[in-house]
Amino acid sequence: MTTRICLAAMAVTLSFLSIACMNSKVAPPEALPERSLEIENLLADAQRGTAEDQYALGMRYERGIGVPQSYLDAVYWYRLAAMQGYREGQYKLCEMSERGQGLPQDYQEALRWCGLAADHGHGRAMFILGRLYHTAHGVPHDLVLAHMWYNLATAHGYDDGKKWRDRLADEMSPGQVAEAQKLAREWNVRMSARTS
């Protein structure tokens, strides 16, 4: 008996829904453009190969701004930008590899892309490198390298690096902190020599 009542209620609901759908007006095509002119231009520029536009299109796909949200499409465009040496694209691949968005979670891949972005002075990428060493994700647990990367992140404008560096220093010996600071100075010297 209860099954018959449920089936009858479902049939009534479906009939009301079908009538409602038949009576609804369809918006004219010009009211629902597939892509705005801005998106079309950005897509054309990205396809021509400008890293900045590829990155910008990746951001739109990641966030669903003007296009359907798609991590897979975001990764595609970030990768094209990153392959041209664009540090923001490299950083986004690092971040998405670490989280497993649009591609399998892979700490080694995150480490690789963050390393490339860090070599271009990207503070947030340096912070993630510090966190990877601090938490032993994809690399051995290494407080000295974690401190070094947090210190470099701070020096390159990522303020959270200071909080984590200082917190980490409380767990380290004075010798370890001195070694981390020495490594950070050496890294800065190497990077300065490369860019000059």
Protein backbone atom coordinates (compact mmCIF):
# COMPACT_ATOMS: atom_id res chain seq x y z
CA MET A 1 0.00 0.00 0.00
CA THR A 2 2.75 2.44 0.94
CA THR A 3 4.59 1.69 -2.29
CA ARG A 4 1.46 2.53 -4.33
CA ILE A 5 1.05 5.84 -2.50
CA CYS A 6 4.73 6.71 -3.12
CA LEU A 7 4.42 5.81 -6.81
CA ALA A 8 1.24 7.85 -7.17
CA ALA A 9 2.83 10.86 -5.48
CA MET A 10 5.86 10.57 -7.76
CA ALA A 11 3.65 10.38 -10.85
CA VAL A 12 1.74 13.53 -9.81
CA THR A 13 5.01 15.38 -9.12
CA LEU A 14 6.46 14.39 -12.49
CA SER A 15 3.34 15.50 -14.34
CA PHE A 16 3.46 18.92 -12.63
CA LEU A 17 7.14 19.26 -13.50
CA SER A 18 6.58 18.38 -17.15
CA ILE A 19 3.77 20.95 -17.42
CA ALA A 20 5.97 23.59 -15.76
CA CYS A 21 8.80 22.85 -18.18
CA MET A 22 6.48 23.08 -21.19
CA ASN A 23 5.20 26.48 -20.07
CA SER A 24 8.60 28.02 -19.37
CA LYS A 25 9.93 30.46 -21.96
CA VAL A 26 13.33 29.82 -23.50
CA ALA A 27 15.67 32.79 -23.41
CA PRO A 28 16.70 34.13 -26.81
CA PRO A 29 20.19 33.10 -27.96
CA GLU A 30 21.59 36.62 -27.60
CA ALA A 31 20.65 36.60 -23.90
CA LEU A 32 22.75 33.47 -23.27
CA PRO A 33 26.04 34.00 -25.12
CA GLU A 34 28.34 30.98 -24.93
CA ARG A 35 31.33 33.18 -24.20
CA SER A 36 31.73 36.86 -23.80
CA LEU A 37 33.85 38.80 -26.24
CA GLU A 38 36.46 39.16 -23.51
CA ILE A 39 36.70 35.37 -23.11
CA GLU A 40 36.90 34.90 -26.88
CA ASN A 41 39.77 37.40 -27.10
CA LEU A 42 41.55 35.81 -24.14
CA LEU A 43 41.17 32.36 -25.70
CA ALA A 44 42.54 33.63 -29.02
CA ASP A 45 45.53 35.26 -27.28
CA ALA A 46 46.17 32.14 -25.19
CA GLN A 47 46.07 29.95 -28.29
CA ARG A 48 48.61 32.25 -29.96
CA GLY A 49 50.96 31.43 -27.12
CA THR A 50 51.27 34.42 -24.77
CA ALA A 51 52.10 33.02 -21.33
CA GLU A 52 50.27 35.80 -19.50
CA ASP A 53 47.06 35.10 -21.40
CA GLN A 54 47.41 31.35 -20.93
CA TYR A 55 47.79 31.93 -17.20
CA ALA A 56 44.81 34.32 -17.14
CA LEU A 57 42.65 31.76 -18.95
CA GLY A 58 43.81 29.08 -16.50
CA MET A 59 42.71 31.32 -13.62
CA ARG A 60 39.27 31.74 -15.20
CA TYR A 61 38.87 27.98 -15.58
CA GLU A 62 40.09 27.33 -12.05
CA ARG A 63 37.60 29.82 -10.60
CA GLY A 64 34.78 29.44 -13.12
CA ILE A 65 34.83 33.11 -14.19
CA GLY A 66 33.04 33.50 -17.52
CA VAL A 67 33.68 29.83 -18.36
CA PRO A 68 32.57 26.58 -16.74
CA GLN A 69 34.79 25.81 -13.75
CA SER A 70 37.27 23.08 -14.71
CA TYR A 71 40.50 22.18 -12.91
CA LEU A 72 41.52 20.04 -15.88
CA ASP A 73 41.28 22.98 -18.28
CA ALA A 74 43.01 25.23 -15.73
CA VAL A 75 45.94 22.81 -15.50
CA TYR A 76 46.16 22.66 -19.31
CA TRP A 77 46.52 26.45 -19.62
CA TYR A 78 48.79 26.78 -16.57
CA ARG A 79 51.07 24.12 -18.02
CA LEU A 80 51.38 25.98 -21.34
CA ALA A 81 52.30 29.18 -19.46
CA ALA A 82 54.69 27.32 -17.15
CA MET A 83 56.49 25.67 -20.06
CA GLN A 84 57.36 29.16 -21.29
CA GLY A 85 59.01 29.91 -17.94
CA TYR A 86 56.12 31.98 -16.59
CA ARG A 87 56.55 31.81 -12.81
CA GLU A 88 52.87 32.27 -11.95
CA GLY A 89 51.96 29.30 -14.16
CA GLN A 90 54.72 27.27 -12.51
CA TYR A 91 53.41 28.21 -9.08
CA LYS A 92 49.81 27.27 -9.94
CA LEU A 93 50.95 23.84 -11.19
CA CYS A 94 52.84 23.41 -7.92
CA GLU A 95 49.76 24.34 -5.91
CA MET A 96 47.38 22.15 -7.92
CA SER A 97 49.80 19.19 -7.85
CA GLU A 98 50.05 19.51 -4.09
CA ARG A 99 46.25 19.58 -3.70
CA GLY A 100 45.45 17.08 -6.45
CA GLN A 101 43.19 19.44 -8.40
CA GLY A 102 42.98 18.78 -12.13
CA LEU A 103 45.73 16.20 -11.90
CA PRO A 104 46.68 13.48 -9.42
CA GLN A 105 48.11 14.66 -6.11
CA ASP A 106 51.86 14.40 -6.53
CA TYR A 107 54.26 16.00 -4.07
CA GLN A 108 57.25 15.34 -6.32
CA GLU A 109 55.55 17.25 -9.13
CA ALA A 110 54.65 20.03 -6.69
CA LEU A 111 58.28 20.14 -5.58
CA ARG A 112 59.48 20.39 -9.18
CA TRP A 113 57.12 23.21 -10.19
CA CYS A 114 57.62 25.11 -6.93
CA GLY A 115 61.37 24.84 -7.40
CA LEU A 116 61.10 26.40 -10.86
CA ALA A 117 58.86 29.20 -9.59
CA ALA A 118 61.16 29.76 -6.58
CA ASP A 119 64.11 30.09 -8.96
CA HIS A 120 62.19 33.03 -10.45
CA GLY A 121 61.75 34.63 -7.00
CA HIS A 122 58.18 33.49 -6.26
CA GLY A 123 57.68 33.88 -2.48
CA ARG A 124 54.59 31.67 -2.15
CA ALA A 125 56.35 28.86 -4.04
CA MET A 126 59.24 29.16 -1.58
CA PHE A 127 56.75 28.90 1.27
CA ILE A 128 55.26 25.69 -0.15
CA LEU A 129 58.77 24.25 -0.51
CA GLY A 130 59.33 25.01 3.16
CA ARG A 131 56.06 23.33 4.07
CA LEU A 132 56.92 20.24 2.00
CA TYR A 133 60.23 19.84 3.87
CA HIS A 134 58.58 20.68 7.19
CA THR A 135 55.81 18.08 6.77
CA ALA A 136 57.89 15.53 4.81
CA HIS A 137 55.52 15.45 1.84
CA GLY A 138 57.45 14.09 -1.13
CA VAL A 139 60.80 14.81 0.52
CA PRO A 140 62.56 13.71 3.70
CA HIS A 141 61.69 15.68 6.84
CA ASP A 142 64.34 18.42 6.97
CA LEU A 143 63.97 21.31 9.43
CA VAL A 144 67.05 23.09 8.09
CA LEU A 145 65.72 23.20 4.51
CA ALA A 146 62.22 24.05 5.73
CA HIS A 147 63.64 27.02 7.70
CA MET A 148 65.71 28.09 4.70
CA TRP A 149 62.66 28.12 2.40
CA TYR A 150 60.45 29.89 4.96
CA ASN A 151 63.21 32.49 5.39
CA LEU A 152 63.50 32.98 1.60
CA ALA A 153 59.71 33.20 1.28
CA THR A 154 59.72 36.03 3.83
CA ALA A 155 62.57 37.80 2.04
CA HIS A 156 60.60 37.55 -1.23
CA GLY A 157 57.46 39.15 0.16
CA TYR A 158 55.43 36.25 1.52
CA ASP A 159 54.73 37.34 5.10
CA ASP A 160 53.45 33.97 6.40
CA GLY A 161 56.96 32.67 5.92
CA LYS A 162 58.15 34.69 8.92
CA LYS A 163 55.57 33.19 11.28
CA TRP A 164 56.40 29.63 10.20
CA ARG A 165 60.17 30.26 10.18
CA ASP A 166 60.05 31.63 13.73
CA ARG A 167 57.79 28.81 14.92
CA LEU A 168 60.11 26.26 13.35
CA ALA A 169 63.21 27.88 14.90
CA ASP A 170 61.80 26.99 18.34
CA GLU A 171 62.14 23.29 17.39
CA MET A 172 65.71 23.66 16.10
CA SER A 173 69.13 23.91 17.69
CA PRO A 174 71.10 27.16 17.25
CA GLY A 175 73.45 25.27 14.92
CA GLN A 176 70.55 24.16 12.69
CA VAL A 177 69.20 27.73 12.51
CA ALA A 178 72.66 29.04 11.60
CA GLU A 179 72.97 26.38 8.87
CA ALA A 180 69.54 27.30 7.47
CA GLN A 181 70.45 30.99 7.41
CA LYS A 182 73.76 30.19 5.68
CA LEU A 183 71.95 28.12 3.03
CA ALA A 184 69.45 30.95 2.44
CA ARG A 185 72.30 33.46 1.94
CA GLU A 186 74.06 31.08 -0.46
CA TRP A 187 70.84 30.54 -2.41
CA ASN A 188 70.37 34.31 -2.74
CA VAL A 189 73.94 34.74 -3.98
CA ARG A 190 73.44 32.00 -6.61
CA MET A 191 70.19 33.55 -7.79
CA SER A 192 71.71 37.04 -7.93
CA ALA A 193 74.61 35.72 -10.02
CA ARG A 194 72.18 33.99 -12.41
CA THR A 195 70.07 37.08 -12.99
CA SER A 196 72.94 39.52 -13.48
